[in-house]
Amino acid sequence: MGSRYVVSDVHGYRDDFVRGLDDAGFGGDDELWILGDLLDRGPDGIGVIEHVRSLQEEMPGQVHVLMGNHEILALGRYRFPRSKFGDSWEVNGGLRRDQDGLADHVDWLASLPLMARFGDLLLMHSDTTEYLSWGEDVGAVNDTVRSALADEEDLEGHWDVWARLTSRYDFAGSDGEQVARQMLSTYGGKAIVHGHSIIGTLLGVPSSEVTSPVLYADGLVLAIDGGRYDGGPLFFVEVD
């Protein structure tokens, strides 16, 4: 059995992503989970998507992607360009060159799962309990959102997914351990791994000072977004 890796919030930094895979020696029987936010903010979001999809073709069943809030933001902006998605897309680092290259990837984006179980790990993009509103198990969550996004004319359905995935910090409060246990009791697993909220905001330090993922909520939650777009590192985390 090969190594297993998680990474999140690449945000268009294709060269860093490729370099990180090379540095990790990714290949063979290895498995990779990307926890969303492939595009926006950085220089080449479409390049990241294309590279990920080429890996999926080369390594069937070994490279997986979750939907992050920037995937649904890009999808909403593409499908409803004159709606409230326009302002949100611009404010949150949306880039015209990503939108211009999105046509061949729209169906792929809309089909991405929101959550996954990876051994004893519960994988999700956002550090939020909003997933609970979509279903009582991982499959139900993914089916609910896929169904909502299948209607290409349902602006409010798309907007609801975007709004819920922007929520954050639900495991960082004084009740973080209790909240994490609720999520694990519902969806299974022994620990949560997420991106979305950059580690610097959890620690109260600049992203340039972040040196490793952070385990918190009494060891039940692992944050892996180093804040690459904010001057921090892109972490490829090997898990067992």
C-alpha atoms as a PDB file:
ATOM      1  CA  MET A   1       0.000   0.000   0.000  1.00  0.00           C
ATOM      2  CA  GLY A   2       1.301   3.434  -0.943  1.00  0.00           C
ATOM      3  CA  SER A   3       1.404   6.648   1.045  1.00  0.00           C
ATOM      4  CA  ARG A   4      -1.683   8.778   1.598  1.00  0.00           C
ATOM      5  CA  TYR A   5      -1.659  12.569   1.399  1.00  0.00           C
ATOM      6  CA  VAL A   6      -4.014  15.482   1.958  1.00  0.00           C
ATOM      7  CA  VAL A   7      -3.590  19.046   0.700  1.00  0.00           C
ATOM      8  CA  SER A   8      -5.945  22.001   0.585  1.00  0.00           C
ATOM      9  CA  ASP A   9      -6.390  25.535  -0.736  1.00  0.00           C
ATOM     10  CA  VAL A  10      -3.978  25.474  -3.664  1.00  0.00           C
ATOM     11  CA  HIS A  11      -5.642  28.684  -4.929  1.00  0.00           C
ATOM     12  CA  GLY A  12      -4.074  28.748  -8.369  1.00  0.00           C
ATOM     13  CA  TYR A  13      -0.473  28.092  -7.320  1.00  0.00           C
ATOM     14  CA  ARG A  14       0.063  25.357  -9.871  1.00  0.00           C
ATOM     15  CA  ASP A  15       3.866  25.369  -9.736  1.00  0.00           C
ATOM     16  CA  ASP A  16       3.829  24.986  -5.939  1.00  0.00           C
ATOM     17  CA  PHE A  17       1.325  22.163  -6.253  1.00  0.00           C
ATOM     18  CA  VAL A  18       3.414  20.274  -8.810  1.00  0.00           C
ATOM     19  CA  ARG A  19       6.591  20.871  -6.798  1.00  0.00           C
ATOM     20  CA  GLY A  20       4.906  19.646  -3.624  1.00  0.00           C
ATOM     21  CA  LEU A  21       3.846  16.419  -5.316  1.00  0.00           C
ATOM     22  CA  ASP A  22       7.371  15.899  -6.597  1.00  0.00           C
ATOM     23  CA  ASP A  23       8.924  16.631  -3.203  1.00  0.00           C
ATOM     24  CA  ALA A  24       6.566  14.121  -1.591  1.00  0.00           C
ATOM     25  CA  GLY A  25       7.507  11.530  -4.199  1.00  0.00           C
ATOM     26  CA  PHE A  26       3.846  11.098  -5.099  1.00  0.00           C
ATOM     27  CA  GLY A  27       3.161   8.245  -7.519  1.00  0.00           C
ATOM     28  CA  GLY A  28       2.754   4.494  -7.742  1.00  0.00           C
ATOM     29  CA  ASP A  29       0.081   3.313  -5.310  1.00  0.00           C
ATOM     30  CA  ASP A  30      -0.089   6.623  -3.428  1.00  0.00           C
ATOM     31  CA  GLU A  31      -3.424   8.312  -2.814  1.00  0.00           C
ATOM     32  CA  LEU A  32      -4.189  12.031  -2.680  1.00  0.00           C
ATOM     33  CA  TRP A  33      -7.148  13.986  -1.345  1.00  0.00           C
ATOM     34  CA  ILE A  34      -7.436  17.690  -2.202  1.00  0.00           C
ATOM     35  CA  LEU A  35      -9.797  19.475   0.175  1.00  0.00           C
ATOM     36  CA  GLY A  36     -11.056  22.169  -2.182  1.00  0.00           C
ATOM     37  CA  ASP A  37     -10.227  25.705  -3.313  1.00  0.00           C
ATOM     38  CA  LEU A  38      -8.179  24.871  -6.391  1.00  0.00           C
ATOM     39  CA  LEU A  39      -8.680  28.241  -8.034  1.00  0.00           C
ATOM     40  CA  ASP A  40      -9.124  32.018  -7.435  1.00  0.00           C
ATOM     41  CA  ARG A  41      -6.616  34.379  -5.796  1.00  0.00           C
ATOM     42  CA  GLY A  42      -3.494  32.788  -7.340  1.00  0.00           C
ATOM     43  CA  PRO A  43      -1.925  32.894 -10.816  1.00  0.00           C
ATOM     44  CA  ASP A  44      -3.239  29.779 -12.579  1.00  0.00           C
ATOM     45  CA  GLY A  45      -6.410  28.232 -11.217  1.00  0.00           C
ATOM     46  CA  ILE A  46      -7.310  26.567 -14.497  1.00  0.00           C
ATOM     47  CA  GLY A  47      -3.803  25.128 -14.676  1.00  0.00           C
ATOM     48  CA  VAL A  48      -4.344  23.562 -11.247  1.00  0.00           C
ATOM     49  CA  ILE A  49      -7.670  22.051 -12.306  1.00  0.00           C
ATOM     50  CA  GLU A  50      -6.200  20.706 -15.536  1.00  0.00           C
ATOM     51  CA  HIS A  51      -3.265  19.142 -13.717  1.00  0.00           C
ATOM     52  CA  VAL A  52      -5.522  17.547 -11.115  1.00  0.00           C
ATOM     53  CA  ARG A  53      -7.815  16.138 -13.778  1.00  0.00           C
ATOM     54  CA  SER A  54      -4.858  14.764 -15.725  1.00  0.00           C
ATOM     55  CA  LEU A  55      -3.682  13.014 -12.544  1.00  0.00           C
ATOM     56  CA  GLN A  56      -7.145  11.535 -12.118  1.00  0.00           C
ATOM     57  CA  GLU A  57      -6.929  10.102 -15.631  1.00  0.00           C
ATOM     58  CA  GLU A  58      -3.412   8.748 -15.094  1.00  0.00           C
ATOM     59  CA  MET A  59      -4.151   7.329 -11.623  1.00  0.00           C
ATOM     60  CA  PRO A  60      -7.823   6.252 -11.570  1.00  0.00           C
ATOM     61  CA  GLY A  61      -9.263   6.052  -8.076  1.00  0.00           C
ATOM     62  CA  GLN A  62      -6.183   7.556  -6.432  1.00  0.00           C
ATOM     63  CA  VAL A  63      -6.693  11.329  -6.768  1.00  0.00           C
ATOM     64  CA  HIS A  64      -9.797  12.830  -5.173  1.00  0.00           C
ATOM     65  CA  VAL A  65     -11.125  16.383  -4.844  1.00  0.00           C
ATOM     66  CA  LEU A  66     -13.671  17.891  -2.456  1.00  0.00           C
ATOM     67  CA  MET A  67     -15.695  20.971  -3.224  1.00  0.00           C
ATOM     68  CA  GLY A  68     -14.516  24.095  -1.481  1.00  0.00           C
ATOM     69  CA  ASN A  69     -16.277  27.432  -1.248  1.00  0.00           C
ATOM     70  CA  HIS A  70     -14.257  28.744  -4.199  1.00  0.00           C
ATOM     71  CA  GLU A  71     -15.423  25.909  -6.442  1.00  0.00           C
ATOM     72  CA  ILE A  72     -19.067  26.795  -5.833  1.00  0.00           C
ATOM     73  CA  LEU A  73     -18.212  30.507  -6.079  1.00  0.00           C
ATOM     74  CA  ALA A  74     -16.611  29.996  -9.497  1.00  0.00           C
ATOM     75  CA  LEU A  75     -19.511  27.820 -10.615  1.00  0.00           C
ATOM     76  CA  GLY A  76     -22.075  30.358  -9.419  1.00  0.00           C
ATOM     77  CA  ARG A  77     -20.265  33.228 -11.128  1.00  0.00           C
ATOM     78  CA  TYR A  78     -20.070  31.228 -14.369  1.00  0.00           C
ATOM     79  CA  ARG A  79     -23.731  30.189 -14.388  1.00  0.00           C
ATOM     80  CA  PHE A  80     -25.178  33.442 -13.001  1.00  0.00           C
ATOM     81  CA  PRO A  81     -22.758  36.185 -14.108  1.00  0.00           C
ATOM     82  CA  ARG A  82     -25.202  39.070 -13.539  1.00  0.00           C
ATOM     83  CA  SER A  83     -26.337  37.954 -10.108  1.00  0.00           C
ATOM     84  CA  LYS A  84     -25.113  38.559  -6.557  1.00  0.00           C
ATOM     85  CA  PHE A  85     -22.387  36.014  -7.297  1.00  0.00           C
ATOM     86  CA  GLY A  86     -20.621  38.712  -9.312  1.00  0.00           C
ATOM     87  CA  ASP A  87     -19.764  40.954  -6.364  1.00  0.00           C
ATOM     88  CA  SER A  88     -18.877  38.035  -4.096  1.00  0.00           C
ATOM     89  CA  TRP A  89     -16.622  36.531  -6.763  1.00  0.00           C
ATOM     90  CA  GLU A  90     -14.751  39.815  -7.218  1.00  0.00           C
ATOM     91  CA  VAL A  91     -14.372  40.514  -3.486  1.00  0.00           C
ATOM     92  CA  ASN A  92     -13.112  36.980  -2.818  1.00  0.00           C
ATOM     93  CA  GLY A  93     -10.274  36.915  -5.330  1.00  0.00           C
ATOM     94  CA  GLY A  94     -12.090  35.748  -8.448  1.00  0.00           C
ATOM     95  CA  LEU A  95      -9.990  36.079 -11.603  1.00  0.00           C
ATOM     96  CA  ARG A  96     -11.236  36.636 -15.135  1.00  0.00           C
ATOM     97  CA  ARG A  97      -8.696  34.237 -16.627  1.00  0.00           C
ATOM     98  CA  ASP A  98     -10.058  31.426 -14.454  1.00  0.00           C
ATOM     99  CA  GLN A  99     -13.616  32.146 -15.583  1.00  0.00           C
ATOM    100  CA  ASP A 100     -12.508  32.316 -19.208  1.00  0.00           C
ATOM    101  CA  GLY A 101     -11.097  28.788 -18.987  1.00  0.00           C
ATOM    102  CA  LEU A 102     -13.873  27.233 -16.915  1.00  0.00           C
ATOM    103  CA  ALA A 103     -16.207  25.957 -19.662  1.00  0.00           C
ATOM    104  CA  ASP A 104     -14.646  22.495 -19.945  1.00  0.00           C
ATOM    105  CA  HIS A 105     -14.716  21.999 -16.175  1.00  0.00           C
ATOM    106  CA  VAL A 106     -18.181  23.171 -15.123  1.00  0.00           C
ATOM    107  CA  ASP A 107     -19.782  19.714 -14.963  1.00  0.00           C
ATOM    108  CA  TRP A 108     -16.765  18.337 -13.113  1.00  0.00           C
ATOM    109  CA  LEU A 109     -16.956  21.121 -10.521  1.00  0.00           C
ATOM    110  CA  ALA A 110     -20.692  20.601 -10.006  1.00  0.00           C
ATOM    111  CA  SER A 111     -20.157  16.878  -9.380  1.00  0.00           C
ATOM    112  CA  LEU A 112     -17.505  17.209  -6.654  1.00  0.00           C
ATOM    113  CA  PRO A 113     -18.332  15.724  -3.247  1.00  0.00           C
ATOM    114  CA  LEU A 114     -18.345  17.910  -0.162  1.00  0.00           C
ATOM    115  CA  MET A 115     -17.205  15.350   2.406  1.00  0.00           C
ATOM    116  CA  ALA A 116     -15.385  12.025   2.506  1.00  0.00           C
ATOM    117  CA  ARG A 117     -14.227   9.374   4.928  1.00  0.00           C
ATOM    118  CA  PHE A 118     -10.578   8.464   4.448  1.00  0.00           C
ATOM    119  CA  GLY A 119      -9.820   5.629   6.862  1.00  0.00           C
ATOM    120  CA  ASP A 120     -10.403   7.079  10.332  1.00  0.00           C
ATOM    121  CA  LEU A 121     -10.379  10.649   9.008  1.00  0.00           C
ATOM    122  CA  LEU A 122     -13.379  12.807   8.175  1.00  0.00           C
ATOM    123  CA  LEU A 123     -12.325  15.103   5.334  1.00  0.00           C
ATOM    124  CA  MET A 124     -14.083  18.408   4.645  1.00  0.00           C
ATOM    125  CA  HIS A 125     -13.108  21.751   3.208  1.00  0.00           C
ATOM    126  CA  SER A 126     -14.684  24.142   5.682  1.00  0.00           C
ATOM    127  CA  ASP A 127     -14.365  24.086   9.461  1.00  0.00           C
ATOM    128  CA  THR A 128     -18.100  24.438   9.895  1.00  0.00           C
ATOM    129  CA  THR A 129     -21.081  22.451  11.128  1.00  0.00           C
ATOM    130  CA  GLU A 130     -23.188  23.665   8.203  1.00  0.00           C
ATOM    131  CA  TYR A 131     -22.692  20.254   6.579  1.00  0.00           C
ATOM    132  CA  LEU A 132     -25.256  18.963   9.086  1.00  0.00           C
ATOM    133  CA  SER A 133     -27.973  20.866   7.219  1.00  0.00           C
ATOM    134  CA  TRP A 134     -27.420  18.683   4.122  1.00  0.00           C
ATOM    135  CA  GLY A 135     -27.708  15.208   5.573  1.00  0.00           C
ATOM    136  CA  GLU A 136     -27.061  12.759   8.387  1.00  0.00           C
ATOM    137  CA  ASP A 137     -24.322  10.802   6.640  1.00  0.00           C
ATOM    138  CA  VAL A 138     -21.541  11.568   4.164  1.00  0.00           C
ATOM    139  CA  GLY A 139     -23.411  10.117   1.198  1.00  0.00           C
ATOM    140  CA  ALA A 140     -26.536  12.129   1.936  1.00  0.00           C
ATOM    141  CA  VAL A 141     -24.556  15.376   2.203  1.00  0.00           C
ATOM    142  CA  ASN A 142     -22.924  14.787  -1.169  1.00  0.00           C
ATOM    143  CA  ASP A 143     -26.162  13.699  -2.847  1.00  0.00           C
ATOM    144  CA  THR A 144     -28.089  16.698  -1.510  1.00  0.00           C
ATOM    145  CA  VAL A 145     -25.619  19.230  -2.848  1.00  0.00           C
ATOM    146  CA  ARG A 146     -25.131  17.465  -6.186  1.00  0.00           C
ATOM    147  CA  SER A 147     -28.892  17.525  -6.621  1.00  0.00           C
ATOM    148  CA  ALA A 148     -29.041  21.253  -5.849  1.00  0.00           C
ATOM    149  CA  LEU A 149     -26.295  22.054  -8.342  1.00  0.00           C
ATOM    150  CA  ALA A 150     -27.811  19.861 -11.049  1.00  0.00           C
ATOM    151  CA  ASP A 151     -30.426  22.577 -11.597  1.00  0.00           C
ATOM    152  CA  GLU A 152     -28.426  25.096 -13.605  1.00  0.00           C
ATOM    153  CA  GLU A 153     -31.146  27.730 -13.210  1.00  0.00           C
ATOM    154  CA  ASP A 154     -31.439  27.540  -9.417  1.00  0.00           C
ATOM    155  CA  LEU A 155     -29.570  30.644  -8.324  1.00  0.00           C
ATOM    156  CA  GLU A 156     -30.704  30.422  -4.707  1.00  0.00           C
ATOM    157  CA  GLY A 157     -29.721  26.762  -4.470  1.00  0.00           C
ATOM    158  CA  HIS A 158     -26.204  27.590  -5.653  1.00  0.00           C
ATOM    159  CA  TRP A 159     -26.047  30.607  -3.359  1.00  0.00           C
ATOM    160  CA  ASP A 160     -27.065  28.532  -0.329  1.00  0.00           C
ATOM    161  CA  VAL A 161     -24.164  26.115  -0.918  1.00  0.00           C
ATOM    162  CA  TRP A 162     -21.743  29.029  -1.295  1.00  0.00           C
ATOM    163  CA  ALA A 163     -23.008  30.810   1.828  1.00  0.00           C
ATOM    164  CA  ARG A 164     -22.839  27.711   4.007  1.00  0.00           C
ATOM    165  CA  LEU A 165     -19.333  26.751   2.852  1.00  0.00           C
ATOM    166  CA  THR A 166     -17.974  30.204   3.718  1.00  0.00           C
ATOM    167  CA  SER A 167     -18.761  29.632   7.413  1.00  0.00           C
ATOM    168  CA  ARG A 168     -15.747  28.851   9.605  1.00  0.00           C
ATOM    169  CA  TYR A 169     -14.148  28.536  13.077  1.00  0.00           C
ATOM    170  CA  ASP A 170     -16.796  26.183  14.498  1.00  0.00           C
ATOM    171  CA  PHE A 171     -14.113  24.013  16.146  1.00  0.00           C
ATOM    172  CA  ALA A 172     -11.993  26.881  17.450  1.00  0.00           C
ATOM    173  CA  GLY A 173     -14.152  28.057  20.342  1.00  0.00           C
ATOM    174  CA  SER A 174     -14.251  26.900  23.935  1.00  0.00           C
ATOM    175  CA  ASP A 175     -16.756  24.239  22.887  1.00  0.00           C
ATOM    176  CA  GLY A 176     -14.658  23.131  19.905  1.00  0.00           C
ATOM    177  CA  GLU A 177     -14.059  19.628  21.230  1.00  0.00           C
ATOM    178  CA  GLN A 178     -17.786  19.094  21.795  1.00  0.00           C
ATOM    179  CA  VAL A 179     -18.647  20.405  18.334  1.00  0.00           C
ATOM    180  CA  ALA A 180     -16.026  18.181  16.715  1.00  0.00           C
ATOM    181  CA  ARG A 181     -17.342  15.145  18.561  1.00  0.00           C
ATOM    182  CA  GLN A 182     -20.835  15.906  17.283  1.00  0.00           C
ATOM    183  CA  MET A 183     -19.563  15.935  13.700  1.00  0.00           C
ATOM    184  CA  LEU A 184     -17.616  12.710  14.179  1.00  0.00           C
ATOM    185  CA  SER A 185     -20.565  11.022  15.862  1.00  0.00           C
ATOM    186  CA  THR A 186     -22.769  11.944  12.898  1.00  0.00           C
ATOM    187  CA  TYR A 187     -20.425  11.243   9.993  1.00  0.00           C
ATOM    188  CA  GLY A 188     -17.919   8.795  11.454  1.00  0.00           C
ATOM    189  CA  GLY A 189     -14.167   8.881  11.861  1.00  0.00           C
ATOM    190  CA  LYS A 190     -11.821   9.629  14.729  1.00  0.00           C
ATOM    191  CA  ALA A 191     -10.529  13.020  13.604  1.00  0.00           C
ATOM    192  CA  ILE A 192     -11.480  15.844  11.221  1.00  0.00           C
ATOM    193  CA  VAL A 193      -9.119  17.276   8.598  1.00  0.00           C
ATOM    194  CA  HIS A 194     -10.040  20.619   7.018  1.00  0.00           C
ATOM    195  CA  GLY A 195      -8.710  23.531   5.006  1.00  0.00           C
ATOM    196  CA  HIS A 196     -10.470  26.887   4.445  1.00  0.00           C
ATOM    197  CA  SER A 197      -9.444  28.796   7.587  1.00  0.00           C
ATOM    198  CA  ILE A 198      -5.762  29.544   7.232  1.00  0.00           C
ATOM    199  CA  ILE A 199      -3.656  28.372  10.135  1.00  0.00           C
ATOM    200  CA  GLY A 200      -2.311  31.860  10.836  1.00  0.00           C
ATOM    201  CA  THR A 201      -5.803  33.052  11.755  1.00  0.00           C
ATOM    202  CA  LEU A 202      -6.190  30.167  14.185  1.00  0.00           C
ATOM    203  CA  LEU A 203      -2.837  30.919  15.822  1.00  0.00           C
ATOM    204  CA  GLY A 204      -2.940  34.698  15.532  1.00  0.00           C
ATOM    205  CA  VAL A 205       0.310  34.898  13.547  1.00  0.00           C
ATOM    206  CA  PRO A 206       1.212  35.955   9.975  1.00  0.00           C
ATOM    207  CA  SER A 207       0.983  33.153   7.416  1.00  0.00           C
ATOM    208  CA  SER A 208       4.689  33.580   6.694  1.00  0.00           C
ATOM    209  CA  GLU A 209       5.395  32.293  10.229  1.00  0.00           C
ATOM    210  CA  VAL A 210       3.314  29.121   9.874  1.00  0.00           C
ATOM    211  CA  THR A 211       5.551  26.045   9.769  1.00  0.00           C
ATOM    212  CA  SER A 212       3.222  23.065  10.146  1.00  0.00           C
ATOM    213  CA  PRO A 213      -0.403  21.949  10.215  1.00  0.00           C
ATOM    214  CA  VAL A 214      -2.148  22.488  13.546  1.00  0.00           C
ATOM    215  CA  LEU A 215      -3.950  19.899  15.647  1.00  0.00           C
ATOM    216  CA  TYR A 216      -6.553  21.429  17.961  1.00  0.00           C
ATOM    217  CA  ALA A 217      -9.928  20.818  19.657  1.00  0.00           C
ATOM    218  CA  ASP A 218      -8.286  18.323  22.021  1.00  0.00           C
ATOM    219  CA  GLY A 219      -6.571  16.565  19.124  1.00  0.00           C
ATOM    220  CA  LEU A 220      -9.771  15.928  17.168  1.00  0.00           C
ATOM    221  CA  VAL A 221      -9.252  18.489  14.373  1.00  0.00           C
ATOM    222  CA  LEU A 222      -6.308  19.040  12.015  1.00  0.00           C
ATOM    223  CA  ALA A 223      -6.082  22.324  10.061  1.00  0.00           C
ATOM    224  CA  ILE A 224      -3.872  22.043   6.967  1.00  0.00           C
ATOM    225  CA  ASP A 225      -4.313  25.343   5.071  1.00  0.00           C
ATOM    226  CA  GLY A 226      -0.995  27.131   5.466  1.00  0.00           C
ATOM    227  CA  GLY A 227      -2.324  30.200   3.643  1.00  0.00           C
ATOM    228  CA  ARG A 228      -0.366  29.952   0.397  1.00  0.00           C
ATOM    229  CA  TYR A 229      -2.176  32.926  -1.156  1.00  0.00           C
ATOM    230  CA  ASP A 230      -1.362  34.911   1.999  1.00  0.00           C
ATOM    231  CA  GLY A 231       2.374  34.227   1.838  1.00  0.00           C
ATOM    232  CA  GLY A 232       2.303  30.954   3.749  1.00  0.00           C
ATOM    233  CA  PRO A 233       3.223  27.373   2.799  1.00  0.00           C
ATOM    234  CA  LEU A 234       1.259  24.777   0.833  1.00  0.00           C
ATOM    235  CA  PHE A 235       1.263  21.649   2.989  1.00  0.00           C
ATOM    236  CA  PHE A 236       1.185  18.111   1.641  1.00  0.00           C
ATOM    237  CA  VAL A 237       0.351  16.139   4.756  1.00  0.00           C
ATOM    238  CA  GLU A 238       1.035  12.431   4.866  1.00  0.00           C
ATOM    239  CA  VAL A 239      -1.580  10.628   6.945  1.00  0.00           C
ATOM    240  CA  ASP A 240      -2.015   7.052   8.141  1.00  0.00           C
END
